[in-house]
Amino acid sequence: MVQMFLFLVLLLLAQAPWTASVAAESKRCLSQEQRRAALASHRAMHAGRAIRIAKKRYGGDVVRARLCEGEHGSLRYVLTVLARDGKVTRVAIDAQSGKFLTAR
């Protein structure tokens, strides 16, 4: 139990430095209604496809996926990937093309 608590604390601490950079990368994340509208208008692919792209490149598990606005109103998926060794990577993928934008 103590080991799990320490792991969670370390995971949160590892994510802290990236919070500001992700906030800078994505101006605003969409609500559920806005996500549905983006999918319906083909401005964004389904999250499952973005997750598969990230997992193929980084392995591990995607523990969080958000659809956010990027520069000039473009949409991007911001994914948090937890590798089997405990390393946390934030990945940004263009929501329309599936192209990798950033990884930190």
N, C-alpha and C. Protein backbone atom coordinates (compact mmCIF):
# COMPACT_ATOMS: atom_id res chain seq x y z
N MET A 1 0.83 -1.19 0.00
CA MET A 1 0.00 0.00 0.00
C MET A 1 0.87 1.26 0.00
N VAL A 2 1.90 1.25 0.83
CA VAL A 2 2.80 2.40 0.90
C VAL A 2 3.55 2.56 -0.41
N GLN A 3 3.95 1.44 -1.02
CA GLN A 3 4.66 1.50 -2.29
C GLN A 3 3.78 2.10 -3.38
N MET A 4 2.51 1.74 -3.40
CA MET A 4 1.58 2.29 -4.39
C MET A 4 1.42 3.79 -4.18
N PHE A 5 1.30 4.21 -2.92
CA PHE A 5 1.18 5.63 -2.62
C PHE A 5 2.41 6.39 -3.09
N LEU A 6 3.59 5.85 -2.81
CA LEU A 6 4.83 6.50 -3.24
C LEU A 6 4.93 6.57 -4.76
N PHE A 7 4.50 5.50 -5.43
CA PHE A 7 4.50 5.50 -6.88
C PHE A 7 3.60 6.60 -7.43
N LEU A 8 2.42 6.75 -6.86
CA LEU A 8 1.48 7.78 -7.32
C LEU A 8 2.04 9.18 -7.06
N VAL A 9 2.67 9.38 -5.91
CA VAL A 9 3.27 10.68 -5.60
C VAL A 9 4.38 10.98 -6.60
N LEU A 10 5.24 10.00 -6.87
CA LEU A 10 6.31 10.20 -7.84
C LEU A 10 5.76 10.48 -9.24
N LEU A 11 4.70 9.80 -9.59
CA LEU A 11 4.08 10.03 -10.89
C LEU A 11 3.56 11.46 -10.99
N LEU A 12 2.92 11.95 -9.96
CA LEU A 12 2.42 13.32 -9.96
C LEU A 12 3.56 14.33 -10.01
N LEU A 13 4.61 14.07 -9.27
CA LEU A 13 5.77 14.97 -9.29
C LEU A 13 6.44 14.97 -10.66
N ALA A 14 6.47 13.83 -11.31
CA ALA A 14 7.09 13.75 -12.63
C ALA A 14 6.29 14.55 -13.65
N GLN A 15 5.00 14.65 -13.45
CA GLN A 15 4.16 15.38 -14.40
C GLN A 15 4.17 16.87 -14.17
N ALA A 16 4.52 17.32 -12.98
CA ALA A 16 4.44 18.74 -12.63
C ALA A 16 5.19 19.65 -13.59
N PRO A 17 6.45 19.35 -13.97
CA PRO A 17 7.16 20.27 -14.87
C PRO A 17 6.51 20.39 -16.24
N TRP A 18 5.78 19.37 -16.65
CA TRP A 18 5.19 19.38 -17.99
C TRP A 18 3.88 20.13 -18.04
N THR A 19 3.28 20.39 -16.89
CA THR A 19 1.97 21.03 -16.87
C THR A 19 2.00 22.37 -17.59
N ALA A 20 3.00 23.19 -17.31
CA ALA A 20 3.10 24.50 -17.94
C ALA A 20 3.34 24.39 -19.43
N SER A 21 4.20 23.45 -19.85
CA SER A 21 4.50 23.33 -21.27
C SER A 21 3.30 22.82 -22.05
N VAL A 22 2.54 21.91 -21.48
CA VAL A 22 1.34 21.41 -22.16
C VAL A 22 0.30 22.51 -22.23
N ALA A 23 0.19 23.31 -21.17
CA ALA A 23 -0.76 24.42 -21.20
C ALA A 23 -0.38 25.41 -22.30
N ALA A 24 0.91 25.61 -22.48
CA ALA A 24 1.36 26.51 -23.54
C ALA A 24 1.11 25.91 -24.92
N GLU A 25 1.26 24.58 -25.04
CA GLU A 25 1.05 23.91 -26.31
C GLU A 25 -0.41 23.96 -26.75
N SER A 26 -1.29 23.78 -25.82
CA SER A 26 -2.70 23.72 -26.17
C SER A 26 -3.44 24.81 -25.41
N LYS A 27 -4.01 25.70 -26.16
CA LYS A 27 -4.67 26.86 -25.56
C LYS A 27 -5.85 26.44 -24.69
N ARG A 28 -6.65 25.51 -25.20
CA ARG A 28 -7.87 25.16 -24.49
C ARG A 28 -8.32 23.78 -24.94
N CYS A 29 -8.69 22.97 -23.98
CA CYS A 29 -9.20 21.64 -24.33
C CYS A 29 -10.71 21.70 -24.48
N LEU A 30 -11.23 20.86 -25.35
CA LEU A 30 -12.63 20.91 -25.72
C LEU A 30 -13.51 20.14 -24.73
N SER A 31 -14.73 20.60 -24.62
CA SER A 31 -15.73 19.90 -23.81
C SER A 31 -16.22 18.69 -24.60
N GLN A 32 -17.01 17.85 -23.95
CA GLN A 32 -17.52 16.66 -24.62
C GLN A 32 -18.38 17.04 -25.83
N GLU A 33 -19.19 18.05 -25.68
CA GLU A 33 -20.04 18.50 -26.79
C GLU A 33 -19.20 19.03 -27.95
N GLN A 34 -18.16 19.79 -27.64
CA GLN A 34 -17.28 20.31 -28.67
C GLN A 34 -16.51 19.19 -29.36
N ARG A 35 -16.11 18.17 -28.60
CA ARG A 35 -15.41 17.02 -29.20
C ARG A 35 -16.33 16.31 -30.19
N ARG A 36 -17.58 16.11 -29.80
CA ARG A 36 -18.54 15.45 -30.69
C ARG A 36 -18.72 16.23 -31.98
N ALA A 37 -18.81 17.55 -31.86
CA ALA A 37 -18.97 18.40 -33.04
C ALA A 37 -17.74 18.33 -33.94
N ALA A 38 -16.54 18.29 -33.35
CA ALA A 38 -15.31 18.20 -34.13
C ALA A 38 -15.24 16.87 -34.87
N LEU A 39 -15.66 15.80 -34.22
CA LEU A 39 -15.68 14.49 -34.87
C LEU A 39 -16.71 14.46 -36.00
N ALA A 40 -17.89 15.01 -35.76
CA ALA A 40 -18.96 15.01 -36.76
C ALA A 40 -18.59 15.82 -37.99
N SER A 41 -17.82 16.91 -37.79
CA SER A 41 -17.42 17.76 -38.91
C SER A 41 -16.09 17.31 -39.53
N HIS A 42 -15.55 16.20 -39.07
CA HIS A 42 -14.31 15.62 -39.58
C HIS A 42 -13.10 16.54 -39.37
N ARG A 43 -13.17 17.38 -38.33
CA ARG A 43 -12.01 18.20 -37.96
C ARG A 43 -11.04 17.40 -37.11
N ALA A 44 -11.50 16.25 -36.59
CA ALA A 44 -10.65 15.42 -35.73
C ALA A 44 -10.96 13.95 -35.95
N MET A 45 -9.91 13.13 -35.85
CA MET A 45 -10.09 11.68 -35.88
C MET A 45 -10.57 11.23 -34.51
N HIS A 46 -10.99 9.99 -34.41
CA HIS A 46 -11.40 9.45 -33.12
C HIS A 46 -10.18 9.29 -32.22
N ALA A 47 -10.40 9.44 -30.94
CA ALA A 47 -9.31 9.35 -29.96
C ALA A 47 -8.61 8.00 -30.02
N GLY A 48 -9.35 6.95 -30.30
CA GLY A 48 -8.77 5.62 -30.37
C GLY A 48 -7.66 5.52 -31.41
N ARG A 49 -7.82 6.21 -32.52
CA ARG A 49 -6.78 6.19 -33.56
C ARG A 49 -5.53 6.92 -33.06
N ALA A 50 -5.71 8.06 -32.41
CA ALA A 50 -4.57 8.80 -31.87
C ALA A 50 -3.85 7.99 -30.79
N ILE A 51 -4.62 7.28 -30.00
CA ILE A 51 -4.04 6.43 -28.95
C ILE A 51 -3.22 5.30 -29.57
N ARG A 52 -3.75 4.67 -30.62
CA ARG A 52 -3.00 3.60 -31.30
C ARG A 52 -1.69 4.13 -31.89
N ILE A 53 -1.72 5.33 -32.46
CA ILE A 53 -0.52 5.94 -33.03
C ILE A 53 0.53 6.15 -31.94
N ALA A 54 0.11 6.69 -30.80
CA ALA A 54 1.05 6.94 -29.70
C ALA A 54 1.59 5.64 -29.12
N LYS A 55 0.72 4.65 -28.94
CA LYS A 55 1.17 3.38 -28.36
C LYS A 55 2.13 2.66 -29.30
N LYS A 56 1.91 2.77 -30.61
CA LYS A 56 2.79 2.12 -31.56
C LYS A 56 4.21 2.70 -31.48
N ARG A 57 4.28 4.00 -31.26
CA ARG A 57 5.59 4.66 -31.22
C ARG A 57 6.26 4.58 -29.85
N TYR A 58 5.47 4.68 -28.77
CA TYR A 58 6.04 4.76 -27.42
C TYR A 58 5.78 3.55 -26.55
N GLY A 59 4.86 2.68 -26.93
CA GLY A 59 4.53 1.54 -26.08
C GLY A 59 3.84 2.02 -24.82
N GLY A 60 3.75 1.19 -23.81
CA GLY A 60 3.13 1.59 -22.55
C GLY A 60 1.64 1.77 -22.68
N ASP A 61 1.09 2.54 -21.76
CA ASP A 61 -0.35 2.77 -21.71
C ASP A 61 -0.65 4.26 -21.79
N VAL A 62 -1.66 4.62 -22.54
CA VAL A 62 -2.13 6.00 -22.57
C VAL A 62 -3.07 6.17 -21.39
N VAL A 63 -2.69 7.02 -20.44
CA VAL A 63 -3.47 7.19 -19.23
C VAL A 63 -4.38 8.41 -19.28
N ARG A 64 -4.16 9.26 -20.28
CA ARG A 64 -5.04 10.43 -20.44
C ARG A 64 -4.99 10.88 -21.89
N ALA A 65 -6.14 11.23 -22.42
CA ALA A 65 -6.23 11.74 -23.78
C ALA A 65 -7.19 12.92 -23.79
N ARG A 66 -6.71 14.04 -24.32
CA ARG A 66 -7.54 15.24 -24.40
C ARG A 66 -7.47 15.80 -25.82
N LEU A 67 -8.58 16.33 -26.28
CA LEU A 67 -8.62 17.01 -27.57
C LEU A 67 -8.60 18.50 -27.28
N CYS A 68 -7.56 19.17 -27.77
CA CYS A 68 -7.35 20.58 -27.42
C CYS A 68 -7.12 21.41 -28.67
N GLU A 69 -7.31 22.72 -28.51
CA GLU A 69 -7.00 23.65 -29.59
C GLU A 69 -5.51 23.95 -29.56
N GLY A 70 -4.91 23.98 -30.73
CA GLY A 70 -3.51 24.35 -30.85
C GLY A 70 -3.40 25.73 -31.45
N GLU A 71 -2.30 25.96 -32.12
CA GLU A 71 -2.08 27.25 -32.77
C GLU A 71 -3.05 27.44 -33.94
N HIS A 72 -3.49 28.64 -34.12
CA HIS A 72 -4.34 29.02 -35.25
C HIS A 72 -5.63 28.20 -35.33
N GLY A 73 -6.13 27.73 -34.19
CA GLY A 73 -7.39 27.02 -34.16
C GLY A 73 -7.33 25.57 -34.58
N SER A 74 -6.13 25.06 -34.85
CA SER A 74 -6.01 23.64 -35.20
C SER A 74 -6.30 22.79 -33.96
N LEU A 75 -6.64 21.54 -34.19
CA LEU A 75 -6.93 20.64 -33.08
C LEU A 75 -5.81 19.62 -32.94
N ARG A 76 -5.54 19.24 -31.69
CA ARG A 76 -4.51 18.24 -31.41
C ARG A 76 -4.95 17.39 -30.24
N TYR A 77 -4.53 16.15 -30.28
CA TYR A 77 -4.71 15.29 -29.12
C TYR A 77 -3.47 15.43 -28.26
N VAL A 78 -3.68 15.68 -26.98
CA VAL A 78 -2.59 15.70 -26.01
C VAL A 78 -2.76 14.43 -25.18
N LEU A 79 -1.79 13.51 -25.32
CA LEU A 79 -1.87 12.21 -24.69
C LEU A 79 -0.77 12.08 -23.64
N THR A 80 -1.12 11.48 -22.52
CA THR A 80 -0.14 11.17 -21.49
C THR A 80 0.11 9.67 -21.56
N VAL A 81 1.37 9.31 -21.85
CA VAL A 81 1.75 7.91 -22.01
C VAL A 81 2.62 7.49 -20.83
N LEU A 82 2.22 6.42 -20.17
CA LEU A 82 2.99 5.86 -19.07
C LEU A 82 3.67 4.58 -19.55
N ALA A 83 5.00 4.63 -19.65
CA ALA A 83 5.76 3.47 -20.10
C ALA A 83 5.84 2.44 -18.99
N ARG A 84 6.19 1.23 -19.36
CA ARG A 84 6.29 0.14 -18.38
C ARG A 84 7.37 0.41 -17.34
N ASP A 85 8.37 1.21 -17.69
CA ASP A 85 9.43 1.54 -16.72
C ASP A 85 9.07 2.74 -15.85
N GLY A 86 7.85 3.26 -16.00
CA GLY A 86 7.38 4.37 -15.17
C GLY A 86 7.60 5.75 -15.78
N LYS A 87 8.23 5.83 -16.92
CA LYS A 87 8.48 7.11 -17.57
C LYS A 87 7.18 7.67 -18.14
N VAL A 88 6.95 8.94 -17.89
CA VAL A 88 5.75 9.62 -18.39
C VAL A 88 6.15 10.50 -19.56
N THR A 89 5.43 10.36 -20.67
CA THR A 89 5.69 11.17 -21.86
C THR A 89 4.40 11.84 -22.28
N ARG A 90 4.47 13.13 -22.56
CA ARG A 90 3.33 13.85 -23.12
C ARG A 90 3.53 13.93 -24.62
N VAL A 91 2.54 13.50 -25.35
CA VAL A 91 2.61 13.45 -26.80
C VAL A 91 1.49 14.30 -27.37
N ALA A 92 1.81 15.12 -28.35
CA ALA A 92 0.80 15.89 -29.06
C ALA A 92 0.73 15.37 -30.49
N ILE A 93 -0.48 15.05 -30.93
CA ILE A 93 -0.71 14.50 -32.26
C ILE A 93 -1.76 15.36 -32.95
N ASP A 94 -1.48 15.74 -34.20
CA ASP A 94 -2.46 16.51 -34.96
C ASP A 94 -3.74 15.69 -35.08
N ALA A 95 -4.85 16.28 -34.70
CA ALA A 95 -6.12 15.54 -34.62
C ALA A 95 -6.71 15.21 -35.98
N GLN A 96 -6.26 15.87 -37.02
CA GLN A 96 -6.81 15.60 -38.34
C GLN A 96 -5.92 14.64 -39.14
N SER A 97 -4.61 14.87 -39.09
CA SER A 97 -3.70 14.08 -39.93
C SER A 97 -3.06 12.90 -39.19
N GLY A 98 -2.99 12.97 -37.87
CA GLY A 98 -2.33 11.93 -37.11
C GLY A 98 -0.83 12.13 -37.01
N LYS A 99 -0.31 13.24 -37.48
CA LYS A 99 1.12 13.55 -37.47
C LYS A 99 1.57 13.91 -36.05
N PHE A 100 2.75 13.40 -35.64
CA PHE A 100 3.32 13.77 -34.35
C PHE A 100 3.71 15.23 -34.38
N LEU A 101 3.32 15.96 -33.34
CA LEU A 101 3.69 17.37 -33.24
C LEU A 101 4.81 17.57 -32.24
N THR A 102 4.64 17.03 -31.04
CA THR A 102 5.67 17.15 -30.01
C THR A 102 5.61 15.92 -29.09
N ALA A 103 6.70 15.70 -28.40
CA ALA A 103 6.75 14.67 -27.36
C ALA A 103 7.73 15.15 -26.31
N ARG A 104 7.31 15.12 -25.06
CA ARG A 104 8.18 15.57 -23.96
C ARG A 104 8.05 14.62 -22.81
